[in-house]
Structures are given as structure tokens and as C-alpha cells.
Amino acid sequence: MTTPIDGTAGNDVLTGTLGADLILGYAGNDRLVGLAGDDTLDGGAGTNQIDAGDGNDVIILDGTAVNGPLRSPATGIDGGAGIDTIRFAGAMSDFHIVQIAGGWLQIDDLVNGGRTLAVSVEHLKFTDTDVWLGTANAAPVVTGDVVALVTEGTGILLVDALANASDADAGTMLTVTDLTAMPDGVSFDSPTQSFVVDANAAAFDFLAAGEQLALRIDYAVTDGMAVTSASALVTLTGSNDSAQISGVQTGAVIEDGTQTATGQLVVQDADRGETGFIATTVAGIYGTLNLDAAGAWSYVLNNDALAVQALSAGQLVQEQLTINSLDGTAAQISLTVAGAADASLIVGTDGNNRLMGTKAGEHIYGLGGADRLNGGAGDDVLSGGAGADVFVFTGRFGHDVITDFEVNVAREVIDLSQMSGLHGYSDLRAHHMTEVDGSTVLSFGAHDITLQGVAMSSLTASDFLF
């Protein structure tokens, strides 16, 4: 026979008998003590303390009670001896239950609010399921960080969040809880209990090839009762995102006319530290391209080159030179070279040649070997090429240019021995030699010889033959 014991709307202390009791606290902050027997205890509204005592007792949580301190340091419900049940007025998903120190359960009502602490309870009865706790719940065990590797651009990687988690209790289902904010490009898939790493996400585009990014995800593993901290560590290795190169990529030069073209390139690259160019100098057939790290380029026509002087008037040729951004992406700069009417060409071979001009102005190229070049009358351009060459001048020449004279090279000389009225190197330097824009000019009245790119200070008597 069950003995009913009823409280009031105030704060009651209700103590049962040694038999089976039905103790109802109603409103107020009540203390219910069941003593022996199989009792049913319902604290009702308020902050209640329930000590079920011996026997197989049922403690009712109807969604309104907030169970406060029972004894220090424990608080709430003490089931006591026997097989004790807490009966909930809701589904299991309406509550969050964890095991805390001392074997206590912390029960949070997610629908109505309120918290209950309970100990010595073996059975949790919800409206949709029953959970038997046994004598003690084993908390989940996590043996270390879940570790994964992935390369940028390789798609989706699933990382099992429970890979290193286990539980000694048979039949226990572990789940992830207490997820912290996840890095960009990472999400959580509840059905598989896995982290989803999208290696194609724009969030990782900034990584340069081979650069690594460590993604740490902190969370917890629960068996529905106890909670154990866990972490996943995903190392993502960057891959190269090709650069996009734009800007001025064309130019034009003219033989014996406009001999320089310039432009500015622009590079866009998502990879960190790769928005720039590899500074370089590229020698082409007709001229030379210089590119700086900021993308500014200039192309200078080698106007005296044989390939340039061989162009006929109005002839157009293309020169394409390759440059690279910092990540190796290539682009071409295309130059149009226009030919012009030229003086006659006199071209030697790779052997030792004696090349003589005429009364007209010529371009004389010695090419290889030790050559002897004499422009004769007219305004001539003389290029010795490889080897130690001799440039011969008599009294019959106009305004001549030597494009490649090498100072202090044995047997490479300027032969002025047939020039009348010239009295050695001292006379030459004192009365006939000047420097204009980095080139030495030898002047003899209406005639002159320009040593292109040769400074006066570099010349000595050994460079001349008198």
C-alpha cells in the first residue's frame, strides 16, 4: 500500500515512511526524504532537494522543477540505495546530460530551462526511450588528435571525428558535441560524424606551392552521459595557382629610327608572395629586353647588329621574348621590328679577313677571326666581331663609328699610321680626343671616328698604332 504525503504551496520538508510513499511537494522550495520503501517523489515547482533513500524509487522531473542544493558539495537528487529512476516529462533530445566529478549527472532542460544534479540513479526514463546507467558510466576515451593531410585543389576530404575515440561500455554510441567555430573551408557532417575539408575552397588560395597551413578543430566526444575533450589537426599543403599576366605586351622599333619600346606588365596571383616578376634580361635576335620585378620592361634594338642591318626598307619582322612571373607562369612580349634603307653591307667570314669599303658609306662586319677593316671614303660603321681586329684609317674617311672596340686587348688596335700630321699618342689625346655621352670621339677636321661605348679614361697608347 502506498502512503500519500502532500506538501503545500510553501516551502515544505516532507519525510516518508519505511514503506512505499507518494510524496508530492507542489509549489515552493521543498525537501523530500523518502527513507525506505519504493517511493515516488515529485518536488513540483520551485528549487527542491530530493533524497530518495532506500528502495527502488521514482523521481519525477516534470519540466518545471529546478533542483537545488542537497548536500555540499553535491546538489539536487540523491537516489540512494536500490534501482532508482528519474522520469522525464519530455524526449531525450529535450535534455543535455553529462557526467561530472564524483559520479554526479548534470541534467539541463533545453526546453524549459533549469538544471538538476543527480547521483545514485540507475535508470533515466524519457517519453521516447529508456537509458540504463548501470553501476557506473565509463567516460569516452580519446587517445590523441585526429590527424589528416590534404593538398590544396584535391577536392573533398572527410575526417572521422571519432577515429581516436572509444568507450568501455558495450553498445554505447559516441557523438560529437561542443563544436567550436571551424576554420573557413571546413564544415561538420552530422550523419557521418566527420569534418568536411574542402581543399578547393577559395579560403586556401593564398597558399603558395608547398606552403603548409595547420587547421585545428576543438570539440568533445560524448556517450550521452560523460564528455571528453578532443581535437582534429588537418595539415593542408598549398599548390600553385597560376598567375594571370596582363598589361602592355607589344611594342615596335624601327631600324635607324625609334630604337626603344617600353611597357608595363601586371600580374595577379592568389598565392601569397607571388605577385611580381622574375627580373631578367633576354637577348633576342634583333635586340635586348629588360624586365624588372615590378613588371616594367624596355626593349632596345641592336641597331648595328647584322640581322637588323640586313632588313630591307619596310620589311617587318616579329621578335617574341618570354618572361616569367614569380611562380613561373610564362608570358610573351611581342616586338615588331621595321627595316629601313641601309648603306651597303660588307660581311666577312669566321676566318681572318681584309675588308675594304668604297667611296659610299657601308656597314662592315668582320664576324669571327682577326680581321682588318678599312671603311674607305664615306660614313662607315665598322664592327669587328670576335677576335683581335685592326681598324685602319687613312686620310680618306668621313664620320665613322666603331661599334665594338675592345681596349687593352693584344693586337686589337686602331691603325692611324697613315694619318699625316699626327705625332703619337700624346698629340692624339691632347688635340684630337674628346668624350661625348660615354663614347670617345677622335676628330680630324671634317673627319671623325667614334668609339662607341668606350670611355677616354680606359684608352692607352697600346690601343693605337702610329
Protein backbone atom coordinates (compact mmCIF):
# COMPACT_ATOMS: atom_id res chain seq x y z
CA MET A 1 0.00 0.00 0.00
CA THR A 2 1.28 3.46 -0.96
CA THR A 3 1.18 6.25 1.59
CA PRO A 4 0.42 9.72 0.09
CA ILE A 5 2.29 12.63 1.62
CA ASP A 6 1.36 16.06 0.22
CA GLY A 7 3.07 19.39 0.59
CA THR A 8 1.66 22.90 0.34
CA ALA A 9 2.25 25.95 -1.83
CA GLY A 10 5.02 26.96 0.55
CA ASN A 11 8.41 25.59 1.43
CA ASP A 12 7.91 22.07 2.85
CA VAL A 13 10.06 19.37 4.42
CA LEU A 14 8.32 16.05 3.65
CA THR A 15 9.58 12.76 5.04
CA GLY A 16 8.21 9.39 4.01
CA THR A 17 7.65 6.21 5.93
CA LEU A 18 9.53 2.94 5.90
CA GLY A 19 7.14 1.73 3.24
CA ALA A 20 6.14 2.87 -0.24
CA ASP A 21 5.25 6.55 -0.32
CA LEU A 22 3.90 9.05 -2.86
CA ILE A 23 5.47 12.35 -1.83
CA LEU A 24 4.26 15.47 -3.70
CA GLY A 25 5.90 18.80 -2.91
CA TYR A 26 3.74 21.07 -5.14
CA ALA A 27 4.92 24.71 -5.16
CA GLY A 28 7.67 26.17 -3.02
CA ASN A 29 11.22 25.16 -2.35
CA ASP A 30 10.78 21.70 -0.82
CA ARG A 31 12.93 19.00 0.73
CA LEU A 32 11.67 15.44 0.14
CA VAL A 33 13.08 12.44 2.04
CA GLY A 34 11.86 9.00 1.02
CA LEU A 35 13.51 6.77 3.65
CA ALA A 36 12.90 3.06 2.98
CA GLY A 37 10.44 1.55 0.52
CA ASP A 38 9.79 2.00 -3.16
CA ASP A 39 8.79 5.66 -3.24
CA THR A 40 7.60 8.08 -5.90
CA LEU A 41 8.83 11.63 -5.30
CA ASP A 42 7.77 14.77 -7.22
CA GLY A 43 9.16 18.06 -5.95
CA GLY A 44 6.88 20.14 -8.16
CA ALA A 45 7.70 23.77 -8.91
CA GLY A 46 10.49 25.51 -7.07
CA THR A 47 14.04 24.68 -6.09
CA ASN A 48 13.81 21.26 -4.49
CA GLN A 49 16.09 18.81 -2.69
CA ILE A 50 15.25 15.12 -3.06
CA ASP A 51 16.79 12.26 -1.05
CA ALA A 52 15.01 9.13 -2.26
CA GLY A 53 16.55 6.83 0.35
CA ASP A 54 16.49 3.02 0.19
CA GLY A 55 14.35 1.08 -2.24
CA ASN A 56 13.57 1.27 -5.93
CA ASP A 57 12.38 4.85 -6.19
CA VAL A 58 10.98 7.03 -8.98
CA ILE A 59 11.83 10.74 -9.04
CA ILE A 60 9.65 12.81 -11.35
CA LEU A 61 11.01 15.79 -13.31
CA ASP A 62 8.01 17.45 -14.92
CA GLY A 63 9.86 20.27 -16.68
CA THR A 64 9.11 22.92 -14.07
CA ALA A 65 11.24 21.94 -11.06
CA VAL A 66 14.74 23.27 -10.55
CA ASN A 67 16.54 21.02 -8.10
CA GLY A 68 18.96 22.94 -5.95
CA PRO A 69 21.50 22.09 -3.23
CA LEU A 70 21.10 18.77 -1.44
CA ARG A 71 24.36 18.41 0.42
CA SER A 72 27.76 20.02 -0.03
CA PRO A 73 29.38 19.71 -2.49
CA ALA A 74 26.65 17.68 -4.20
CA THR A 75 23.33 19.23 -5.19
CA GLY A 76 19.91 18.07 -6.38
CA ILE A 77 18.74 14.43 -6.37
CA ASP A 78 20.23 11.51 -4.41
CA GLY A 79 18.65 8.24 -5.47
CA GLY A 80 20.14 6.36 -2.55
CA ALA A 81 20.20 2.56 -2.43
CA GLY A 82 18.25 0.39 -4.83
CA ILE A 83 17.41 0.79 -8.52
CA ASP A 84 16.26 4.37 -8.85
CA THR A 85 14.62 6.07 -11.83
CA ILE A 86 14.31 9.67 -12.93
CA ARG A 87 11.19 10.07 -15.07
CA PHE A 88 11.33 12.98 -17.53
CA ALA A 89 8.35 14.85 -18.98
CA GLY A 90 9.98 15.03 -22.42
CA ALA A 91 12.05 13.28 -25.08
CA MET A 92 15.73 12.54 -24.61
CA SER A 93 16.61 15.26 -27.14
CA ASP A 94 14.98 17.86 -24.84
CA PHE A 95 17.75 17.39 -22.28
CA HIS A 96 21.53 17.66 -22.19
CA ILE A 97 23.05 15.22 -19.71
CA VAL A 98 26.72 14.94 -18.79
CA GLN A 99 28.61 13.18 -16.04
CA ILE A 100 30.70 15.40 -13.78
CA ALA A 101 33.05 14.86 -10.86
CA GLY A 102 32.00 12.49 -8.09
CA GLY A 103 29.71 10.40 -10.31
CA TRP A 104 27.05 13.09 -10.48
CA LEU A 105 24.84 13.72 -13.50
CA GLN A 106 24.28 17.28 -14.66
CA ILE A 107 20.86 17.49 -16.35
CA ASP A 108 20.00 20.64 -18.32
CA ASP A 109 16.42 21.13 -19.53
CA LEU A 110 16.82 22.52 -23.08
CA VAL A 111 13.12 23.33 -23.45
CA ASN A 112 12.04 24.88 -20.16
CA GLY A 113 15.39 25.84 -18.68
CA GLY A 114 16.71 24.77 -15.31
CA ARG A 115 19.40 22.39 -14.11
CA THR A 116 19.26 19.29 -11.92
CA LEU A 117 22.17 17.42 -10.36
CA ALA A 118 21.64 13.75 -9.55
CA VAL A 119 23.61 10.85 -8.05
CA SER A 120 22.96 7.15 -7.39
CA VAL A 121 20.44 6.93 -10.23
CA GLU A 122 20.40 3.81 -12.42
CA HIS A 123 17.60 4.49 -14.89
CA LEU A 124 16.61 7.51 -16.99
CA LYS A 125 13.12 7.24 -18.46
CA PHE A 126 12.20 9.63 -21.26
CA THR A 127 8.95 9.78 -23.20
CA ASP A 128 10.67 8.21 -26.20
CA THR A 129 13.41 5.97 -24.77
CA ASP A 130 14.98 4.44 -21.68
CA VAL A 131 18.62 4.68 -20.66
CA TRP A 132 20.07 2.26 -18.13
CA LEU A 133 23.20 3.59 -16.48
CA GLY A 134 24.37 0.52 -14.58
CA THR A 135 26.56 0.90 -11.57
CA ALA A 136 28.92 3.46 -13.24
CA ASN A 137 29.26 5.05 -16.64
CA ALA A 138 32.64 4.86 -18.36
CA ALA A 139 33.53 8.17 -19.99
CA PRO A 140 34.66 8.14 -23.64
CA VAL A 141 38.39 7.70 -24.14
CA VAL A 142 40.24 9.83 -26.73
CA THR A 143 43.77 8.59 -27.46
CA GLY A 144 45.05 11.67 -29.30
CA ASP A 145 44.41 14.21 -32.03
CA VAL A 146 42.77 13.01 -35.22
CA VAL A 147 45.43 13.81 -37.85
CA ALA A 148 44.88 14.26 -41.59
CA LEU A 149 46.84 15.57 -44.57
CA VAL A 150 45.42 17.13 -47.72
CA THR A 151 46.74 19.10 -50.70
CA GLU A 152 45.08 22.27 -51.95
CA GLY A 153 42.95 21.71 -55.02
CA THR A 154 42.29 17.97 -54.48
CA GLY A 155 38.60 18.22 -53.59
CA ILE A 156 36.72 17.00 -50.51
CA LEU A 157 38.36 15.19 -47.58
CA LEU A 158 36.25 13.56 -44.83
CA VAL A 159 37.99 13.43 -41.45
CA ASP A 160 36.38 10.99 -38.99
CA ALA A 161 36.00 12.96 -35.76
CA LEU A 162 35.60 9.71 -33.75
CA ALA A 163 38.64 7.95 -35.24
CA ASN A 164 40.55 8.03 -31.94
CA ALA A 165 37.55 7.74 -29.59
CA SER A 166 36.23 4.65 -27.80
CA ASP A 167 34.03 3.70 -24.84
CA ALA A 168 34.29 0.73 -22.48
CA ASP A 169 30.51 0.46 -22.11
CA ALA A 170 29.08 -2.07 -24.57
CA GLY A 171 26.61 -0.70 -27.10
CA THR A 172 27.44 2.93 -26.40
CA MET A 173 27.00 5.31 -29.34
CA LEU A 174 29.53 8.15 -29.35
CA THR A 175 28.76 11.53 -30.90
CA VAL A 176 30.48 14.88 -31.36
CA THR A 177 29.44 17.77 -29.14
CA ASP A 178 30.69 21.20 -28.06
CA LEU A 179 31.97 22.13 -31.51
CA THR A 180 33.94 25.36 -31.60
CA ALA A 181 34.00 27.72 -34.58
CA MET A 182 35.58 25.91 -37.50
CA PRO A 183 38.12 27.36 -39.96
CA ASP A 184 36.97 28.66 -43.34
CA GLY A 185 36.74 25.78 -45.79
CA VAL A 186 35.79 23.26 -43.06
CA SER A 187 32.30 22.10 -42.04
CA PHE A 188 30.81 19.28 -39.96
CA ASP A 189 28.68 16.44 -41.36
CA SER A 190 26.46 15.10 -38.58
CA PRO A 191 25.33 11.82 -40.27
CA THR A 192 28.94 10.64 -40.64
CA GLN A 193 30.30 12.47 -37.57
CA SER A 194 33.05 13.77 -39.85
CA PHE A 195 34.71 17.08 -40.60
CA VAL A 196 34.45 18.05 -44.27
CA VAL A 197 37.56 19.78 -45.59
CA ASP A 198 37.04 21.41 -48.99
CA ALA A 199 40.58 21.61 -50.39
CA ASN A 200 39.21 23.57 -53.36
CA ALA A 201 37.87 26.38 -51.17
CA ALA A 202 38.91 29.93 -52.01
CA ALA A 203 40.00 30.29 -48.38
CA PHE A 204 43.15 28.34 -49.23
CA ASP A 205 44.08 30.09 -52.50
CA PHE A 206 46.61 32.29 -50.72
CA LEU A 207 48.90 29.34 -50.04
CA ALA A 208 52.00 29.16 -52.23
CA ALA A 209 53.15 25.83 -53.63
CA GLY A 210 54.49 23.72 -50.76
CA GLU A 211 53.38 26.17 -48.06
CA GLN A 212 51.54 24.43 -45.20
CA LEU A 213 48.59 25.56 -43.11
CA ALA A 214 47.62 23.81 -39.85
CA LEU A 215 43.86 23.70 -39.22
CA ARG A 216 42.94 22.84 -35.62
CA ILE A 217 39.38 21.93 -34.64
CA ASP A 218 38.48 21.58 -30.96
CA TYR A 219 35.39 19.62 -29.93
CA ALA A 220 34.24 16.97 -27.45
CA VAL A 221 33.07 13.36 -27.63
CA THR A 222 30.07 12.23 -25.58
CA ASP A 223 28.32 8.93 -24.84
CA GLY A 224 25.20 10.81 -23.79
CA MET A 225 26.46 11.00 -20.22
CA ALA A 226 30.12 11.92 -19.99
CA VAL A 227 32.08 14.29 -22.20
CA THR A 228 35.76 14.01 -23.21
CA SER A 229 37.69 16.76 -24.98
CA ALA A 230 39.10 16.02 -28.44
CA SER A 231 40.85 17.76 -31.32
CA ALA A 232 41.47 17.24 -35.02
CA LEU A 233 44.56 18.58 -36.77
CA VAL A 234 44.42 18.89 -40.56
CA THR A 235 47.58 19.95 -42.39
CA LEU A 236 46.82 21.50 -45.77
CA THR A 237 49.68 21.87 -48.27
CA GLY A 238 49.35 24.62 -50.86
CA SER A 239 49.66 24.11 -54.60
CA ASN A 240 50.47 26.63 -57.28
CA ASP A 241 47.62 28.81 -58.50
CA SER A 242 48.63 30.02 -61.95
CA ALA A 243 49.16 33.74 -62.25
CA GLN A 244 47.24 35.93 -64.68
CA ILE A 245 49.52 38.30 -66.62
CA SER A 246 48.13 41.34 -68.42
CA GLY A 247 49.24 44.82 -69.40
CA VAL A 248 51.27 46.04 -72.39
CA GLN A 249 52.74 43.01 -74.14
CA THR A 250 53.58 44.50 -77.55
CA GLY A 251 55.93 47.14 -78.90
CA ALA A 252 57.56 48.38 -82.10
CA VAL A 253 61.00 49.68 -83.08
CA ILE A 254 62.47 50.97 -86.33
CA GLU A 255 65.91 50.38 -87.74
CA ASP A 256 67.88 53.65 -87.76
CA GLY A 257 64.82 55.31 -86.14
CA THR A 258 62.93 54.71 -82.90
CA GLN A 259 65.04 52.01 -81.31
CA THR A 260 63.39 51.62 -77.87
CA ALA A 261 59.97 50.27 -76.87
CA THR A 262 58.61 50.16 -73.31
CA GLY A 263 55.63 48.76 -71.44
CA GLN A 264 54.20 47.76 -68.06
CA LEU A 265 53.00 44.27 -67.17
CA VAL A 266 50.56 43.45 -64.37
CA VAL A 267 50.34 40.11 -62.54
CA GLN A 268 47.51 38.76 -60.41
CA ASP A 269 48.28 35.70 -58.28
CA ALA A 270 46.25 34.40 -55.35
CA ASP A 271 49.32 32.70 -53.88
CA ARG A 272 50.93 34.64 -51.06
CA GLY A 273 54.20 36.39 -52.00
CA GLU A 274 53.99 35.69 -55.73
CA THR A 275 52.58 38.95 -57.09
CA GLY A 276 55.62 40.01 -59.06
CA PHE A 277 58.03 39.09 -61.84
CA ILE A 278 61.42 37.48 -62.16
CA ALA A 279 63.70 40.36 -63.12
CA THR A 280 65.56 39.31 -66.24
CA THR A 281 67.45 40.33 -69.36
CA VAL A 282 66.60 38.43 -72.52
CA ALA A 283 68.77 38.74 -75.61
CA GLY A 284 66.87 38.34 -78.85
CA ILE A 285 67.91 38.25 -82.49
CA TYR A 286 67.29 41.94 -83.10
CA GLY A 287 67.57 43.50 -79.63
CA THR A 288 67.55 43.01 -75.87
CA LEU A 289 64.62 43.00 -73.43
CA ASN A 290 64.99 44.09 -69.80
CA LEU A 291 62.24 43.35 -67.25
CA ASP A 292 62.24 44.48 -63.61
CA ALA A 293 60.49 42.83 -60.65
CA ALA A 294 57.59 45.31 -60.83
CA GLY A 295 56.79 44.41 -64.45
CA ALA A 296 58.29 47.45 -66.22
CA TRP A 297 60.05 46.39 -69.42
CA SER A 298 62.11 48.01 -72.14
CA TYR A 299 63.34 46.63 -75.44
CA VAL A 300 66.36 48.19 -77.11
CA LEU A 301 67.03 47.47 -80.76
CA ASN A 302 70.62 46.45 -81.51
CA ASN A 303 70.68 48.75 -84.48
CA ASP A 304 74.21 47.76 -85.51
CA ALA A 305 73.51 44.04 -85.43
CA LEU A 306 73.92 42.30 -88.75
CA ALA A 307 70.39 40.88 -88.51
CA VAL A 308 68.97 44.40 -88.17
CA GLN A 309 71.06 45.95 -90.92
CA ALA A 310 70.11 43.09 -93.21
CA LEU A 311 66.45 44.15 -93.11
CA SER A 312 65.20 45.78 -96.27
CA ALA A 313 63.29 49.05 -96.29
CA GLY A 314 59.74 48.49 -94.97
CA GLN A 315 60.36 44.86 -94.03
CA LEU A 316 58.60 43.83 -90.79
CA VAL A 317 59.77 41.00 -88.56
CA GLN A 318 58.47 39.77 -85.22
CA GLU A 319 60.55 39.02 -82.14
CA GLN A 320 58.82 37.21 -79.28
CA LEU A 321 60.64 37.08 -75.98
CA THR A 322 59.47 35.10 -72.92
CA ILE A 323 59.29 36.41 -69.36
CA ASN A 324 58.01 34.77 -66.14
CA SER A 325 56.10 35.81 -63.05
CA LEU A 326 57.42 34.74 -59.66
CA ASP A 327 55.51 31.45 -59.73
CA GLY A 328 56.93 30.57 -63.15
CA THR A 329 53.90 31.49 -65.25
CA ALA A 330 55.20 32.47 -68.69
CA ALA A 331 54.12 35.28 -71.00
CA GLN A 332 55.44 36.62 -74.29
CA ILE A 333 56.29 40.17 -75.24
CA SER A 334 55.97 40.60 -78.98
CA LEU A 335 58.12 43.21 -80.72
CA THR A 336 57.69 44.38 -84.30
CA VAL A 337 60.96 45.44 -85.94
CA ALA A 338 60.70 47.57 -89.09
CA GLY A 339 63.59 47.69 -91.56
CA ALA A 340 64.90 50.86 -93.23
CA ALA A 341 67.01 51.70 -96.27
CA ASP A 342 70.64 50.96 -95.42
CA ALA A 343 74.07 51.58 -96.67
CA SER A 344 75.70 48.61 -98.38
CA LEU A 345 76.82 45.66 -96.29
CA ILE A 346 80.28 44.17 -96.41
CA VAL A 347 80.45 40.97 -94.40
CA GLY A 348 83.44 38.80 -93.65
CA THR A 349 83.63 35.21 -92.54
CA ASP A 350 84.71 33.47 -89.35
CA GLY A 351 88.28 33.50 -90.65
CA ASN A 352 90.81 36.33 -90.87
CA ASN A 353 89.50 38.86 -93.41
CA ARG A 354 90.69 42.07 -95.06
CA LEU A 355 87.60 44.14 -95.63
CA MET A 356 87.74 47.39 -97.61
CA GLY A 357 84.95 49.86 -98.10
CA THR A 358 84.28 52.09 -101.09
CA LYS A 359 83.54 55.76 -101.55
CA ALA A 360 79.97 55.18 -100.30
CA GLY A 361 79.08 54.64 -96.67
CA GLU A 362 78.96 50.97 -95.70
CA HIS A 363 78.33 48.69 -92.76
CA ILE A 364 81.35 46.41 -92.48
CA TYR A 365 81.13 43.29 -90.30
CA GLY A 366 84.23 41.24 -89.64
CA LEU A 367 82.48 38.41 -87.79
CA GLY A 368 84.99 35.87 -86.42
CA GLY A 369 88.75 35.84 -86.80
CA ALA A 370 91.41 38.56 -86.67
CA ASP A 371 90.12 40.97 -89.30
CA ARG A 372 91.48 44.13 -90.88
CA LEU A 373 88.72 46.68 -91.57
CA ASN A 374 89.09 49.85 -93.64
CA GLY A 375 85.95 51.81 -94.34
CA GLY A 376 87.49 53.91 -97.07
CA ALA A 377 85.68 57.09 -98.01
CA GLY A 378 82.16 57.82 -96.81
CA ASP A 379 80.48 57.48 -93.44
CA ASP A 380 81.00 53.89 -92.33
CA VAL A 381 80.04 51.66 -89.43
CA LEU A 382 82.71 49.11 -88.51
CA SER A 383 82.05 46.02 -86.36
CA GLY A 384 84.99 43.69 -85.87
CA GLY A 385 83.15 40.87 -84.16
CA ALA A 386 85.07 38.13 -82.36
CA GLY A 387 88.85 38.08 -82.47
CA ALA A 388 91.53 40.80 -82.27
CA ASP A 389 90.77 43.21 -85.10
CA VAL A 390 92.63 46.13 -86.68
CA PHE A 391 90.67 49.22 -87.73
CA VAL A 392 92.58 51.13 -90.41
CA PHE A 393 92.10 54.84 -91.13
CA THR A 394 93.88 56.92 -93.74
CA GLY A 395 93.13 60.50 -94.66
CA ARG A 396 90.17 59.32 -96.75
CA PHE A 397 87.20 58.71 -94.39
CA GLY A 398 84.08 60.53 -93.30
CA HIS A 399 82.21 60.19 -89.99
CA ASP A 400 82.97 56.60 -88.98
CA VAL A 401 81.77 54.56 -85.99
CA ILE A 402 83.48 51.54 -84.42
CA THR A 403 80.77 49.62 -82.56
CA ASP A 404 82.79 47.06 -80.61
CA PHE A 405 86.35 48.23 -79.97
CA GLU A 406 87.92 46.37 -77.02
CA VAL A 407 90.56 48.29 -75.07
CA ASN A 408 93.80 46.75 -73.84
CA VAL A 409 93.40 43.62 -75.97
CA ALA A 410 96.58 42.40 -77.60
CA ARG A 411 96.67 43.04 -81.36
CA GLU A 412 93.29 44.84 -81.35
CA VAL A 413 94.26 48.38 -82.38
CA ILE A 414 93.19 51.46 -84.26
CA ASP A 415 95.73 51.99 -87.03
CA LEU A 416 96.39 55.71 -87.56
CA SER A 417 99.85 55.23 -89.06
CA GLN A 418 98.76 56.65 -92.41
CA MET A 419 97.33 59.85 -90.90
CA SER A 420 99.61 62.78 -91.78
CA GLY A 421 100.35 65.46 -89.19
CA LEU A 422 99.67 63.20 -86.20
CA HIS A 423 102.57 62.92 -83.73
CA GLY A 424 101.88 59.97 -81.47
CA TYR A 425 99.51 59.22 -78.62
CA SER A 426 100.21 62.39 -76.62
CA ASP A 427 99.30 64.54 -79.60
CA LEU A 428 96.18 62.43 -80.25
CA ARG A 429 94.94 62.70 -76.68
CA ALA A 430 95.76 66.39 -76.27
CA HIS A 431 94.40 67.74 -79.56
CA HIS A 432 92.06 65.21 -81.14
CA MET A 433 90.34 63.18 -78.39
CA THR A 434 87.10 64.06 -76.54
CA GLU A 435 84.35 62.12 -74.81
CA VAL A 436 80.69 62.58 -75.73
CA ASP A 437 77.89 60.69 -73.91
CA GLY A 438 80.20 57.88 -72.83
CA SER A 439 81.85 57.40 -76.22
CA THR A 440 85.30 58.61 -77.28
CA VAL A 441 85.43 60.77 -80.42
CA LEU A 442 88.64 61.23 -82.44
CA SER A 443 88.32 64.42 -84.51
CA PHE A 444 90.46 65.34 -87.51
CA GLY A 445 88.96 68.44 -89.04
CA ALA A 446 86.00 67.38 -91.17
CA HIS A 447 86.54 63.74 -90.28
CA ASP A 448 85.92 61.87 -87.03
CA ILE A 449 85.92 58.39 -85.55
CA THR A 450 83.53 57.47 -82.73
CA LEU A 451 84.48 54.59 -80.41
CA GLN A 452 81.00 53.60 -79.29
CA GLY A 453 80.74 52.95 -75.54
CA VAL A 454 84.47 53.47 -74.91
CA ALA A 455 85.46 55.98 -72.20
CA MET A 456 88.57 58.12 -72.70
CA SER A 457 89.92 57.04 -69.34
CA SER A 458 90.09 53.42 -70.46
CA LEU A 459 92.30 54.11 -73.51
CA THR A 460 96.08 53.81 -73.53
CA ALA A 461 98.80 54.17 -76.18
CA SER A 462 98.71 50.38 -76.70
CA ASP A 463 95.27 50.72 -78.28
CA PHE A 464 96.69 52.68 -81.23
CA LEU A 465 99.22 52.19 -83.97
CA PHE A 466 101.09 55.30 -85.15
